[in-house]
Amino acid sequence: MKKLLLLLSLLLATVANAEIFQPEDYVKLQFQGCFPEHQFTESSFKNDISDSLNNQLKTWEKDEIKRTGYKINSQLQSIRSIFNKGSYEKVLSKAEKALKLIKSNELRRKKSDGQYEYGLSVETVAGNSASMLHFYSAASVEIPYLAFISAEELNLDQDIQEKWLQESFSQSRTAFSVNQCSKMLARYVGVKTQNRRAYSSICSKINPYEAFTAGELGILEHRKENYLAALSLFSIALTNYNLTAYKDEASDSILFERMNILARTGFAAEKAKKWCIAYEGFRRSTEIAKVLDIKPLEVWGKKLIQARSELDSIPKDNWSSEYGLYQPGGAYMPLFKPVPVYPKQMARSGREGCVMLEFNVNEQGKTEDIEVVWSTNKSFNQNAKKTVERFLYQPQIEEGKPVKVEGVLNQITFIIEGKSKPRNYIPEGCP
């Protein structure tokens, strides 16, 4: 087991040294027009270590890690329940216990002379606590988030609140690093990555929590006059809002959050004398205010004029007030794709297959006019269509406005999981 711990430490250290995506890179991502000389390449979006590490683990070790993940998910469900009831003291108590398990990641292996406990929690070079649980669960991000909200509701000491904020953010940053989440960012700069393995669904699950925690931590860093750190955190928050799929009724509140973060970005950039970013921060916050039919603050206009006077030219970006950063060329891109529900009859009979569907993506990023192009078995068709109905896209942008895209193709594949099946397994009859 010591050998396994050493292997994990070395692999995580290697990734942290290469550092998949540095915090300051988010500033360059969000404000690309301010960094015309900077070029993102495929090497900016590194693969994670999950494949190589998982291949080194024995079956019993993987099973124990998953069981620990299920246990933490169960604790999360309990914490959610008491949080919704307003029992904030109990939330903090349970969160402390859950965090202890997350960081210890106790594994038990039965031997002839009894049980032994092993820990699989290590520190990355970047200083984040990394656990194999990050491959299986996003609970380690949500639990400290709920603890922060509880501490805030109880008006506890600022240090206690910041502790939980930092914990949630640290966990989400590590989960980002080990789940290939940087691949989600590559499309915003027109970089194609090798699809050896798609990024994990955990990436999408942590986005809304990191959007919040990064924004709050950015405010704290600004108060401490750490303006460059604040810029990085605000940019991380904006990027996560970009990647978060949300319901229509929440769109105005998300726009309001983005507006405030951009204004804060402008103030932090002004203090750091980053005039291009300051200009963009105040310009963008003003544009979003217009969309929300809110009168922009007078100080934003004054700061915008001041920042513009420091620039030789106005930066150009792939940005729209409604959707934020978008892919070069304005191409539509998926924000949310749920896992298809397996038809019970087909699962019982052990039948696998796939369905090719064609549909349109409207100006709101929703799918419509869904049709089956072909199917290996019509019994999969209904569930495949229901899955596509729930797809959510960032709309295609042309001249800063969303437009409808017709004739989008997507294949839904139904596979019965099995240990003997390779990662690249494809059912018979599916391309």
Protein backbone atom coordinates (compact mmCIF):
# COMPACT_ATOMS: atom_id res chain seq x y z
CA MET A 1 0.00 0.00 0.00
CA LYS A 2 2.91 2.36 0.67
CA LYS A 3 3.95 1.78 -2.93
CA LEU A 4 0.48 2.85 -4.05
CA LEU A 5 0.64 6.00 -1.95
CA LEU A 6 4.03 6.88 -3.41
CA LEU A 7 2.73 6.32 -6.92
CA LEU A 8 -0.27 8.57 -6.29
CA SER A 9 1.95 11.29 -4.83
CA LEU A 10 4.32 11.20 -7.79
CA LEU A 11 1.54 11.27 -10.36
CA LEU A 12 -0.21 14.18 -8.69
CA ALA A 13 3.06 16.05 -8.32
CA THR A 14 3.76 15.58 -12.02
CA VAL A 15 0.36 16.98 -12.97
CA ALA A 16 0.66 19.89 -10.57
CA ASN A 17 4.09 20.78 -11.94
CA ALA A 18 2.72 20.81 -15.48
CA GLU A 19 -0.32 22.60 -13.98
CA ILE A 20 -3.24 22.00 -16.25
CA PHE A 21 -4.59 25.55 -16.16
CA GLN A 22 -3.15 28.26 -13.95
CA PRO A 23 -5.48 30.74 -12.19
CA GLU A 24 -4.01 33.64 -14.18
CA ASP A 25 -4.82 31.77 -17.40
CA TYR A 26 -8.50 32.38 -16.68
CA VAL A 27 -7.89 36.12 -16.98
CA LYS A 28 -6.33 35.55 -20.41
CA LEU A 29 -9.25 33.30 -21.33
CA GLN A 30 -11.97 35.76 -20.29
CA PHE A 31 -10.22 38.83 -21.70
CA GLN A 32 -8.48 37.47 -24.77
CA GLY A 33 -8.47 40.85 -26.53
CA CYS A 34 -6.24 42.21 -23.77
CA PHE A 35 -3.60 39.55 -24.48
CA PRO A 36 -3.20 39.55 -28.30
CA GLU A 37 0.25 37.95 -28.10
CA HIS A 38 -0.86 35.02 -25.95
CA GLN A 39 -1.69 31.80 -27.75
CA PHE A 40 -3.38 28.84 -26.11
CA THR A 41 -2.28 25.48 -27.50
CA GLU A 42 -3.32 21.89 -26.90
CA SER A 43 -0.57 21.60 -24.29
CA SER A 44 -2.48 24.20 -22.26
CA PHE A 45 -5.19 21.60 -21.71
CA LYS A 46 -3.41 18.59 -20.24
CA ASN A 47 -4.86 15.13 -19.80
CA ASP A 48 -5.42 14.08 -16.22
CA ILE A 49 -3.98 11.14 -14.31
CA SER A 50 -7.17 9.18 -13.76
CA ASP A 51 -6.58 6.60 -16.47
CA SER A 52 -2.98 5.87 -15.56
CA LEU A 53 -3.73 5.81 -11.84
CA ASN A 54 -6.84 3.67 -12.10
CA ASN A 55 -4.88 1.14 -14.12
CA GLN A 56 -2.44 0.81 -11.22
CA LEU A 57 -5.16 0.09 -8.66
CA LYS A 58 -6.36 -3.37 -7.82
CA THR A 59 -10.03 -4.25 -8.13
CA TRP A 60 -10.59 -4.35 -4.36
CA GLU A 61 -9.01 -0.91 -4.03
CA LYS A 62 -11.30 0.58 -6.68
CA ASP A 63 -14.31 -1.02 -5.02
CA GLU A 64 -13.36 0.34 -1.59
CA ILE A 65 -12.86 3.83 -3.01
CA LYS A 66 -16.28 3.71 -4.67
CA ARG A 67 -17.88 2.48 -1.46
CA THR A 68 -16.32 5.39 0.41
CA GLY A 69 -17.69 7.70 -2.28
CA TYR A 70 -21.18 6.26 -1.82
CA LYS A 71 -20.85 6.80 1.94
CA ILE A 72 -19.93 10.46 1.46
CA ASN A 73 -22.77 10.93 -1.03
CA SER A 74 -25.12 9.52 1.60
CA GLN A 75 -23.77 12.03 4.11
CA LEU A 76 -24.35 14.79 1.55
CA GLN A 77 -28.00 13.79 1.20
CA SER A 78 -28.38 14.02 4.98
CA ILE A 79 -26.66 17.43 5.06
CA ARG A 80 -28.91 18.72 2.28
CA SER A 81 -31.98 17.61 4.21
CA ILE A 82 -31.07 19.35 7.46
CA PHE A 83 -29.83 22.41 5.54
CA ASN A 84 -33.24 22.77 3.88
CA LYS A 85 -34.80 22.63 7.35
CA GLY A 86 -32.58 25.49 8.53
CA SER A 87 -30.67 23.39 11.07
CA TYR A 88 -27.39 25.14 10.34
CA GLU A 89 -25.56 24.05 13.50
CA LYS A 90 -26.20 20.42 12.56
CA VAL A 91 -24.99 21.11 9.02
CA LEU A 92 -21.65 22.34 10.35
CA SER A 93 -21.31 19.36 12.68
CA LYS A 94 -22.03 16.83 9.94
CA ALA A 95 -19.83 18.73 7.47
CA GLU A 96 -16.86 18.46 9.84
CA LYS A 97 -17.32 14.68 10.07
CA ALA A 98 -17.74 14.35 6.31
CA LEU A 99 -14.65 16.46 5.65
CA LYS A 100 -12.61 14.23 7.94
CA LEU A 101 -13.66 11.21 5.90
CA ILE A 102 -13.01 13.03 2.61
CA LYS A 103 -9.48 13.91 3.65
CA SER A 104 -8.63 10.60 5.27
CA ASN A 105 -10.29 8.44 2.62
CA GLU A 106 -10.09 5.38 4.83
CA LEU A 107 -9.88 2.05 3.03
CA ARG A 108 -10.22 -1.26 4.79
CA ARG A 109 -8.63 -4.47 3.56
CA LYS A 110 -9.25 -7.75 5.32
CA LYS A 111 -6.21 -9.87 6.00
CA SER A 112 -5.65 -13.05 7.95
CA ASP A 113 -4.47 -11.04 10.97
CA GLY A 114 -7.38 -8.56 10.96
CA GLN A 115 -8.37 -5.24 9.38
CA TYR A 116 -6.04 -2.39 8.45
CA GLU A 117 -6.84 1.16 7.45
CA TYR A 118 -5.09 2.90 4.59
CA GLY A 119 -5.23 6.54 3.53
CA LEU A 120 -5.25 7.71 -0.07
CA SER A 121 -5.25 11.44 0.56
CA VAL A 122 -2.20 13.44 -0.56
CA GLU A 123 -1.14 17.01 -1.18
CA THR A 124 -0.48 18.27 -4.71
CA VAL A 125 2.48 20.55 -5.40
CA ALA A 126 -0.07 23.35 -5.77
CA GLY A 127 -1.07 22.74 -2.13
CA ASN A 128 -4.50 21.24 -2.71
CA SER A 129 -5.66 18.15 -0.87
CA ALA A 130 -6.31 15.44 -3.46
CA SER A 131 -8.28 12.29 -2.95
CA MET A 132 -9.19 9.42 -5.23
CA LEU A 133 -12.77 10.32 -4.34
CA HIS A 134 -12.55 13.21 -6.79
CA PHE A 135 -12.88 10.65 -9.56
CA TYR A 136 -16.23 9.41 -8.24
CA SER A 137 -18.02 12.23 -6.44
CA ALA A 138 -18.55 15.99 -6.36
CA ALA A 139 -19.76 15.82 -2.75
CA SER A 140 -16.42 17.09 -1.46
CA VAL A 141 -17.19 20.40 -3.20
CA GLU A 142 -20.84 20.77 -2.21
CA ILE A 143 -20.52 19.82 1.46
CA PRO A 144 -18.15 22.69 2.44
CA TYR A 145 -20.24 25.03 0.27
CA LEU A 146 -23.33 24.21 2.33
CA ALA A 147 -21.23 24.61 5.48
CA PHE A 148 -20.21 28.12 4.37
CA ILE A 149 -23.82 29.15 3.74
CA SER A 150 -24.72 27.76 7.17
CA ALA A 151 -21.88 29.65 8.87
CA GLU A 152 -22.99 32.80 7.08
CA GLU A 153 -26.62 32.30 8.18
CA LEU A 154 -25.42 31.86 11.77
CA ASN A 155 -23.30 35.01 11.43
CA LEU A 156 -20.24 33.14 12.64
CA ASP A 157 -16.74 34.58 12.69
CA GLN A 158 -15.36 35.60 9.29
CA ASP A 159 -12.45 33.19 9.67
CA ILE A 160 -14.86 30.27 9.98
CA GLN A 161 -16.77 31.36 6.90
CA GLU A 162 -13.59 31.81 4.90
CA LYS A 163 -12.35 28.38 6.00
CA TRP A 164 -15.34 26.68 4.38
CA LEU A 165 -15.11 28.85 1.27
CA GLN A 166 -11.45 27.93 0.85
CA GLU A 167 -12.22 24.26 1.45
CA SER A 168 -14.89 24.08 -1.23
CA PHE A 169 -12.72 25.99 -3.70
CA SER A 170 -9.66 23.84 -2.96
CA GLN A 171 -11.69 20.67 -3.49
CA SER A 172 -13.16 21.95 -6.76
CA ARG A 173 -9.75 23.01 -8.07
CA THR A 174 -8.35 19.55 -7.40
CA ALA A 175 -11.38 17.85 -8.92
CA PHE A 176 -10.85 20.08 -11.96
CA SER A 177 -7.23 18.99 -12.23
CA VAL A 178 -7.83 15.26 -12.04
CA ASN A 179 -10.94 14.96 -14.23
CA GLN A 180 -9.74 16.55 -17.49
CA CYS A 181 -12.03 19.55 -16.88
CA SER A 182 -9.65 21.85 -18.76
CA LYS A 183 -11.00 20.25 -21.95
CA MET A 184 -14.20 22.18 -21.29
CA LEU A 185 -12.22 25.40 -21.75
CA ALA A 186 -10.32 24.50 -24.92
CA ARG A 187 -13.32 25.17 -27.16
CA TYR A 188 -13.43 28.83 -26.08
CA VAL A 189 -10.09 29.46 -27.75
CA GLY A 190 -10.63 27.25 -30.78
CA VAL A 191 -8.23 24.51 -29.61
CA LYS A 192 -9.03 20.87 -30.34
CA THR A 193 -7.82 18.32 -27.80
CA GLN A 194 -7.19 14.63 -28.28
CA ASN A 195 -10.38 12.87 -27.20
CA ARG A 196 -8.58 9.96 -25.57
CA ARG A 197 -11.15 10.21 -22.82
CA ALA A 198 -13.92 12.74 -22.43
CA TYR A 199 -13.88 14.96 -19.37
CA SER A 200 -15.84 13.64 -16.41
CA SER A 201 -19.46 14.58 -15.63
CA ILE A 202 -18.07 15.76 -12.29
CA CYS A 203 -16.69 18.79 -14.14
CA SER A 204 -20.20 20.04 -14.87
CA LYS A 205 -21.39 19.28 -11.34
CA ILE A 206 -18.77 21.48 -9.68
CA ASN A 207 -19.26 24.51 -11.97
CA PRO A 208 -22.07 26.30 -10.05
CA TYR A 209 -20.32 25.84 -6.69
CA GLU A 210 -16.97 27.09 -7.94
CA ALA A 211 -18.66 30.04 -9.66
CA PHE A 212 -19.94 31.10 -6.25
CA THR A 213 -16.88 30.34 -4.11
CA ALA A 214 -14.42 31.92 -6.57
CA GLY A 215 -16.52 35.08 -6.69
CA GLU A 216 -16.69 35.32 -2.89
CA LEU A 217 -12.98 34.66 -2.49
CA GLY A 218 -12.28 37.30 -5.13
CA ILE A 219 -14.09 39.85 -2.98
CA LEU A 220 -11.98 38.86 0.04
CA GLU A 221 -8.74 39.16 -1.95
CA HIS A 222 -9.80 42.58 -3.22
CA ARG A 223 -10.37 43.74 0.36
CA LYS A 224 -6.88 42.50 1.22
CA GLU A 225 -5.58 44.56 -1.75
CA ASN A 226 -4.42 41.40 -3.53
CA TYR A 227 -5.76 42.71 -6.83
CA LEU A 228 -4.10 40.25 -9.21
CA ALA A 229 -5.36 37.32 -7.15
CA ALA A 230 -8.82 38.91 -7.17
CA LEU A 231 -8.70 39.19 -10.97
CA SER A 232 -7.87 35.49 -11.30
CA LEU A 233 -10.68 34.49 -8.93
CA PHE A 234 -13.24 36.72 -10.63
CA SER A 235 -12.22 35.25 -13.99
CA ILE A 236 -12.59 31.71 -12.63
CA ALA A 237 -16.08 32.63 -11.41
CA LEU A 238 -17.05 34.08 -14.79
CA THR A 239 -15.75 30.99 -16.59
CA ASN A 240 -17.76 28.69 -14.35
CA TYR A 241 -20.91 30.72 -15.00
CA ASN A 242 -20.14 30.27 -18.69
CA LEU A 243 -20.08 26.50 -18.21
CA THR A 244 -23.10 26.21 -15.91
CA ALA A 245 -26.39 24.99 -17.38
CA TYR A 246 -29.28 26.78 -15.68
CA LYS A 247 -33.03 26.99 -16.12
CA ASP A 248 -34.69 29.90 -17.95
CA GLU A 249 -36.19 31.30 -14.75
CA ALA A 250 -32.67 31.66 -13.31
CA SER A 251 -31.22 33.53 -16.29
CA ASP A 252 -31.76 37.03 -14.87
CA SER A 253 -30.16 36.13 -11.54
CA ILE A 254 -27.14 34.65 -13.35
CA LEU A 255 -26.86 37.79 -15.48
CA PHE A 256 -27.01 39.89 -12.32
CA GLU A 257 -24.19 37.87 -10.73
CA ARG A 258 -22.05 38.19 -13.87
CA MET A 259 -22.71 41.93 -14.00
CA ASN A 260 -21.51 42.42 -10.43
CA ILE A 261 -18.44 40.23 -10.89
CA LEU A 262 -17.46 42.15 -14.04
CA ALA A 263 -17.82 45.47 -12.22
CA ARG A 264 -15.63 44.16 -9.41
CA THR A 265 -13.17 42.97 -12.04
CA GLY A 266 -13.06 46.51 -13.38
CA PHE A 267 -12.28 47.99 -9.96
CA ALA A 268 -9.60 45.37 -9.21
CA ALA A 269 -8.00 45.85 -12.63
CA GLU A 270 -7.95 49.61 -12.15
CA LYS A 271 -6.11 49.20 -8.85
CA ALA A 272 -3.63 46.86 -10.58
CA LYS A 273 -3.34 49.32 -13.50
CA LYS A 274 -4.51 46.65 -15.94
CA TRP A 275 -6.38 49.19 -18.04
CA CYS A 276 -7.55 46.90 -20.81
CA ILE A 277 -9.18 44.53 -18.32
CA ALA A 278 -10.60 47.49 -16.39
CA TYR A 279 -12.14 48.82 -19.60
CA GLU A 280 -13.67 45.45 -20.45
CA GLY A 281 -14.94 44.93 -16.91
CA PHE A 282 -16.84 48.22 -16.83
CA ARG A 283 -17.98 47.93 -20.47
CA ARG A 284 -19.34 44.43 -20.04
CA SER A 285 -21.06 45.15 -16.72
CA THR A 286 -22.73 48.16 -18.36
CA GLU A 287 -23.89 46.04 -21.32
CA ILE A 288 -25.42 43.42 -19.02
CA ALA A 289 -27.18 46.14 -17.02
CA LYS A 290 -28.88 47.25 -20.24
CA VAL A 291 -30.06 43.68 -20.92
CA LEU A 292 -31.51 43.54 -17.40
CA ASP A 293 -33.11 46.95 -17.90
CA ILE A 294 -31.10 48.28 -14.96
CA LYS A 295 -29.54 51.73 -14.97
CA PRO A 296 -25.74 51.25 -14.84
CA LEU A 297 -24.01 52.91 -11.91
CA GLU A 298 -22.69 56.35 -12.77
CA VAL A 299 -19.25 55.43 -11.45
CA TRP A 300 -18.99 52.62 -14.01
CA GLY A 301 -19.33 55.14 -16.82
CA LYS A 302 -16.66 57.41 -15.33
CA LYS A 303 -14.27 54.50 -14.79
CA LEU A 304 -14.92 53.26 -18.33
CA ILE A 305 -13.94 56.63 -19.80
CA GLN A 306 -10.82 56.75 -17.63
CA ALA A 307 -9.73 53.23 -18.63
CA ARG A 308 -10.38 53.99 -22.32
CA SER A 309 -8.09 57.02 -22.11
CA GLU A 310 -5.24 54.71 -21.11
CA LEU A 311 -5.64 52.47 -24.19
CA ASP A 312 -4.38 52.91 -27.73
CA SER A 313 -7.15 50.75 -29.17
CA ILE A 314 -10.30 48.94 -28.08
CA PRO A 315 -9.86 45.17 -27.53
CA LYS A 316 -11.92 42.64 -29.49
CA ASP A 317 -13.37 39.55 -27.83
CA ASN A 318 -15.77 36.69 -28.46
CA TRP A 319 -18.22 37.92 -25.84
CA SER A 320 -21.93 38.64 -25.64
CA SER A 321 -23.87 40.18 -22.77
CA GLU A 322 -26.43 37.36 -22.66
CA TYR A 323 -24.05 34.40 -22.72
CA GLY A 324 -20.60 35.72 -21.86
CA LEU A 325 -17.59 34.15 -23.51
CA TYR A 326 -18.41 32.11 -26.58
CA GLN A 327 -16.52 29.87 -28.97
CA PRO A 328 -14.57 31.56 -31.80
CA GLY A 329 -16.84 31.78 -34.80
CA GLY A 330 -19.86 31.80 -32.48
CA ALA A 331 -20.51 28.08 -32.86
CA TYR A 332 -23.13 26.50 -30.61
CA MET A 333 -21.84 24.10 -27.97
CA PRO A 334 -23.37 21.71 -25.44
CA LEU A 335 -23.79 22.79 -21.82
CA PHE A 336 -25.76 19.84 -20.49
CA LYS A 337 -26.33 16.32 -21.78
CA PRO A 338 -28.01 13.92 -19.32
CA VAL A 339 -27.28 10.21 -19.21
CA PRO A 340 -30.02 8.32 -21.12
CA VAL A 341 -32.43 6.15 -19.13
CA TYR A 342 -32.10 2.52 -20.20
CA PRO A 343 -35.43 0.96 -21.30
CA LYS A 344 -36.27 -1.65 -18.65
CA GLN A 345 -37.33 -4.32 -21.13
CA MET A 346 -34.12 -3.95 -23.12
CA ALA A 347 -32.01 -4.02 -19.96
CA ARG A 348 -33.71 -7.19 -18.74
CA SER A 349 -33.10 -8.90 -22.08
CA GLY A 350 -29.49 -7.69 -22.21
CA ARG A 351 -30.03 -5.84 -25.50
CA GLU A 352 -27.68 -2.98 -26.45
CA GLY A 353 -27.81 -0.50 -29.31
CA CYS A 354 -27.82 3.10 -30.45
CA VAL A 355 -30.05 5.76 -31.99
CA MET A 356 -29.05 8.62 -34.31
CA LEU A 357 -31.22 11.70 -33.92
CA GLU A 358 -31.50 14.98 -35.80
CA PHE A 359 -32.82 18.17 -34.22
CA ASN A 360 -32.60 21.95 -34.17
CA VAL A 361 -31.05 24.14 -31.47
CA ASN A 362 -33.13 27.29 -31.01
CA GLU A 363 -32.10 30.76 -29.88
CA GLN A 364 -32.52 29.77 -26.23
CA GLY A 365 -30.18 26.78 -26.62
CA LYS A 366 -32.99 24.23 -26.36
CA THR A 367 -33.63 21.33 -28.72
CA GLU A 368 -36.71 21.14 -30.93
CA ASP A 369 -38.08 19.21 -33.92
CA ILE A 370 -36.35 16.01 -32.77
CA GLU A 371 -36.46 13.15 -35.27
CA VAL A 372 -34.94 9.66 -35.33
CA VAL A 373 -32.62 9.25 -38.33
CA TRP A 374 -31.89 5.57 -37.73
CA SER A 375 -31.89 3.09 -34.89
CA THR A 376 -30.50 -0.38 -34.25
CA ASN A 377 -33.70 -1.18 -32.36
CA LYS A 378 -36.84 0.97 -32.24
CA SER A 379 -37.34 0.06 -28.58
CA PHE A 380 -34.57 2.56 -27.76
CA ASN A 381 -36.15 5.42 -29.73
CA GLN A 382 -38.50 6.88 -27.12
CA ASN A 383 -35.88 7.07 -24.36
CA ALA A 384 -33.33 8.49 -26.80
CA LYS A 385 -35.73 11.28 -27.81
CA LYS A 386 -36.53 12.05 -24.16
CA THR A 387 -32.81 12.35 -23.49
CA VAL A 388 -32.26 14.81 -26.36
CA GLU A 389 -35.27 16.86 -25.19
CA ARG A 390 -33.27 17.67 -22.05
CA PHE A 391 -30.11 18.75 -23.91
CA LEU A 392 -29.08 22.35 -23.32
CA TYR A 393 -26.71 24.29 -25.56
CA GLN A 394 -25.05 27.64 -25.60
CA PRO A 395 -26.74 29.10 -28.70
CA GLN A 396 -24.84 29.89 -31.86
CA ILE A 397 -23.84 33.55 -31.87
CA GLU A 398 -23.74 35.66 -35.01
CA GLU A 399 -22.95 39.36 -34.76
CA GLY A 400 -23.44 39.15 -31.02
CA LYS A 401 -26.95 37.67 -31.22
CA PRO A 402 -28.19 34.08 -30.77
CA VAL A 403 -29.49 32.32 -33.89
CA LYS A 404 -31.21 29.01 -34.60
CA VAL A 405 -29.12 26.04 -35.80
CA GLU A 406 -30.80 23.33 -37.86
CA GLY A 407 -29.86 19.74 -38.64
CA VAL A 408 -27.79 18.91 -35.56
CA LEU A 409 -26.95 15.19 -35.32
CA ASN A 410 -26.35 13.28 -32.09
CA GLN A 411 -26.00 9.56 -31.41
CA ILE A 412 -27.35 8.09 -28.17
CA THR A 413 -25.71 4.76 -27.26
CA PHE A 414 -27.14 2.26 -24.78
CA ILE A 415 -24.53 -0.01 -23.17
CA ILE A 416 -24.98 -2.46 -20.33
CA GLU A 417 -21.99 -2.00 -18.04
CA GLY A 418 -19.69 -4.92 -17.48
CA LYS A 419 -16.20 -5.38 -16.05
CA SER A 420 -15.04 -7.33 -19.10
CA LYS A 421 -15.85 -4.53 -21.53
CA PRO A 422 -13.00 -2.26 -22.67
CA ARG A 423 -13.27 1.52 -22.37
CA ASN A 424 -13.75 1.93 -26.15
CA TYR A 425 -16.44 -0.77 -26.38
CA ILE A 426 -19.14 -0.17 -29.03
CA PRO A 427 -22.32 -2.28 -29.32
CA GLU A 428 -22.83 -4.33 -32.45
CA GLY A 429 -24.40 -2.31 -35.27
CA CYS A 430 -23.26 1.04 -33.89
CA PRO A 431 -20.65 3.10 -35.80
